[in-house]
């Protein structure tokens, strides 16, 4: 059976920022976890935060309000095929 998945990947320039972002989101009751950063997205720090798509609007608001320099990518997987689209990029 082919599994379909859809989720967000939040990436940043440093590991420190990723860990801070995870704590920030968990503190706001947004379930997330740190994962290895997919190379299709970037080779930045090697870590990213994975979040379900239902939190997209909340995360965009947090990132904009707190001026967090992060890139948000939407990942859609269908079996072994993966489509990645950048949906938000903070001005660096």
C-alpha atoms as a PDB file:
ATOM      1  CA  UNK A   1       0.000   0.000   0.000  1.00  0.00           C
ATOM      2  CA  UNK A   2       1.361   3.411  -0.971  1.00  0.00           C
ATOM      3  CA  UNK A   3       1.442   5.870   1.894  1.00  0.00           C
ATOM      4  CA  UNK A   4       0.653   9.562   1.360  1.00  0.00           C
ATOM      5  CA  UNK A   5       2.078  12.165   3.743  1.00  0.00           C
ATOM      6  CA  UNK A   6       1.877  15.940   3.915  1.00  0.00           C
ATOM      7  CA  UNK A   7       3.838  17.974   6.486  1.00  0.00           C
ATOM      8  CA  UNK A   8       5.914  21.101   7.048  1.00  0.00           C
ATOM      9  CA  UNK A   9       9.681  21.314   7.395  1.00  0.00           C
ATOM     10  CA  UNK A  10      11.114  24.379   9.141  1.00  0.00           C
ATOM     11  CA  UNK A  11      14.778  24.981   8.386  1.00  0.00           C
ATOM     12  CA  UNK A  12      17.230  27.613   9.622  1.00  0.00           C
ATOM     13  CA  UNK A  13      20.879  28.605   9.418  1.00  0.00           C
ATOM     14  CA  UNK A  14      21.968  27.085  12.739  1.00  0.00           C
ATOM     15  CA  UNK A  15      21.350  24.110  14.979  1.00  0.00           C
ATOM     16  CA  UNK A  16      20.883  26.506  17.908  1.00  0.00           C
ATOM     17  CA  UNK A  17      17.989  28.231  16.124  1.00  0.00           C
ATOM     18  CA  UNK A  18      16.326  24.892  15.322  1.00  0.00           C
ATOM     19  CA  UNK A  19      16.483  23.785  18.981  1.00  0.00           C
ATOM     20  CA  UNK A  20      15.122  27.176  20.100  1.00  0.00           C
ATOM     21  CA  UNK A  21      12.336  26.956  17.538  1.00  0.00           C
ATOM     22  CA  UNK A  22      11.333  23.482  18.728  1.00  0.00           C
ATOM     23  CA  UNK A  23      11.134  24.690  22.364  1.00  0.00           C
ATOM     24  CA  UNK A  24       9.158  27.758  21.275  1.00  0.00           C
ATOM     25  CA  UNK A  25       6.597  25.711  19.329  1.00  0.00           C
ATOM     26  CA  UNK A  26       6.235  23.065  22.051  1.00  0.00           C
ATOM     27  CA  UNK A  27       5.699  25.895  24.553  1.00  0.00           C
ATOM     28  CA  UNK A  28       2.802  27.100  22.405  1.00  0.00           C
ATOM     29  CA  UNK A  29       1.262  23.580  22.304  1.00  0.00           C
ATOM     30  CA  UNK A  30       2.276  22.918  18.693  1.00  0.00           C
ATOM     31  CA  UNK A  31       3.499  19.323  18.434  1.00  0.00           C
ATOM     32  CA  UNK A  32       6.766  19.082  16.521  1.00  0.00           C
ATOM     33  CA  UNK A  33      10.041  17.199  16.438  1.00  0.00           C
ATOM     34  CA  UNK A  34      13.610  17.755  15.304  1.00  0.00           C
ATOM     35  CA  UNK A  35      14.605  15.654  12.294  1.00  0.00           C
ATOM     36  CA  UNK A  36      17.545  15.491   9.875  1.00  0.00           C
ATOM     37  CA  UNK A  37      17.170  18.214   7.239  1.00  0.00           C
ATOM     38  CA  UNK A  38      16.326  16.663   3.859  1.00  0.00           C
ATOM     39  CA  UNK A  39      19.103  17.519   1.399  1.00  0.00           C
ATOM     40  CA  UNK A  40      16.482  18.439  -1.214  1.00  0.00           C
ATOM     41  CA  UNK A  41      15.628  21.456   0.928  1.00  0.00           C
ATOM     42  CA  UNK A  42      19.069  22.692   1.937  1.00  0.00           C
ATOM     43  CA  UNK A  43      22.422  21.791   3.385  1.00  0.00           C
ATOM     44  CA  UNK A  44      22.202  24.429   6.133  1.00  0.00           C
ATOM     45  CA  UNK A  45      22.783  23.080   9.628  1.00  0.00           C
ATOM     46  CA  UNK A  46      21.617  19.524   9.034  1.00  0.00           C
ATOM     47  CA  UNK A  47      18.596  19.703  11.350  1.00  0.00           C
ATOM     48  CA  UNK A  48      15.016  20.840  10.833  1.00  0.00           C
ATOM     49  CA  UNK A  49      11.691  20.869  12.666  1.00  0.00           C
ATOM     50  CA  UNK A  50       8.821  18.763  11.344  1.00  0.00           C
ATOM     51  CA  UNK A  51       5.243  19.934  12.001  1.00  0.00           C
ATOM     52  CA  UNK A  52       1.846  18.837  10.724  1.00  0.00           C
ATOM     53  CA  UNK A  53       0.198  21.094   8.117  1.00  0.00           C
ATOM     54  CA  UNK A  54      -2.765  21.937  10.332  1.00  0.00           C
ATOM     55  CA  UNK A  55      -0.466  24.379  12.183  1.00  0.00           C
ATOM     56  CA  UNK A  56       0.667  26.315   9.084  1.00  0.00           C
ATOM     57  CA  UNK A  57      -1.137  29.581   9.890  1.00  0.00           C
ATOM     58  CA  UNK A  58      -0.115  29.537  13.576  1.00  0.00           C
ATOM     59  CA  UNK A  59       3.525  28.922  12.687  1.00  0.00           C
ATOM     60  CA  UNK A  60       3.608  31.676  10.053  1.00  0.00           C
ATOM     61  CA  UNK A  61       2.186  34.115  12.608  1.00  0.00           C
ATOM     62  CA  UNK A  62       4.723  33.101  15.278  1.00  0.00           C
ATOM     63  CA  UNK A  63       7.626  33.362  12.828  1.00  0.00           C
ATOM     64  CA  UNK A  64       6.516  36.786  11.593  1.00  0.00           C
ATOM     65  CA  UNK A  65       5.654  38.193  15.042  1.00  0.00           C
ATOM     66  CA  UNK A  66       8.912  37.009  16.615  1.00  0.00           C
ATOM     67  CA  UNK A  67      11.028  37.718  13.504  1.00  0.00           C
ATOM     68  CA  UNK A  68      12.468  34.205  13.428  1.00  0.00           C
ATOM     69  CA  UNK A  69      14.716  33.647  10.403  1.00  0.00           C
ATOM     70  CA  UNK A  70      13.311  30.389   9.121  1.00  0.00           C
ATOM     71  CA  UNK A  71      12.230  28.805   5.863  1.00  0.00           C
ATOM     72  CA  UNK A  72       8.998  26.805   5.819  1.00  0.00           C
ATOM     73  CA  UNK A  73       8.653  24.091   3.198  1.00  0.00           C
ATOM     74  CA  UNK A  74       5.601  21.982   2.412  1.00  0.00           C
ATOM     75  CA  UNK A  75       6.511  18.349   1.764  1.00  0.00           C
ATOM     76  CA  UNK A  76       4.088  16.042  -0.031  1.00  0.00           C
ATOM     77  CA  UNK A  77       5.094  12.403  -0.265  1.00  0.00           C
ATOM     78  CA  UNK A  78       3.380   9.752  -2.346  1.00  0.00           C
ATOM     79  CA  UNK A  79       5.216   6.485  -1.948  1.00  0.00           C
ATOM     80  CA  UNK A  80       8.818   7.185  -2.957  1.00  0.00           C
ATOM     81  CA  UNK A  81       7.957  10.416  -4.804  1.00  0.00           C
ATOM     82  CA  UNK A  82       8.494  13.626  -2.874  1.00  0.00           C
ATOM     83  CA  UNK A  83       7.386  17.145  -3.828  1.00  0.00           C
ATOM     84  CA  UNK A  84       8.841  20.044  -1.823  1.00  0.00           C
ATOM     85  CA  UNK A  85       7.610  23.615  -2.110  1.00  0.00           C
ATOM     86  CA  UNK A  86       8.855  26.633  -0.143  1.00  0.00           C
ATOM     87  CA  UNK A  87       5.786  28.396   1.270  1.00  0.00           C
ATOM     88  CA  UNK A  88       7.522  30.983   3.500  1.00  0.00           C
ATOM     89  CA  UNK A  89      11.015  32.399   3.645  1.00  0.00           C
ATOM     90  CA  UNK A  90      12.059  34.986   6.200  1.00  0.00           C
ATOM     91  CA  UNK A  91      14.030  37.904   4.814  1.00  0.00           C
ATOM     92  CA  UNK A  92      17.606  37.230   5.875  1.00  0.00           C
END
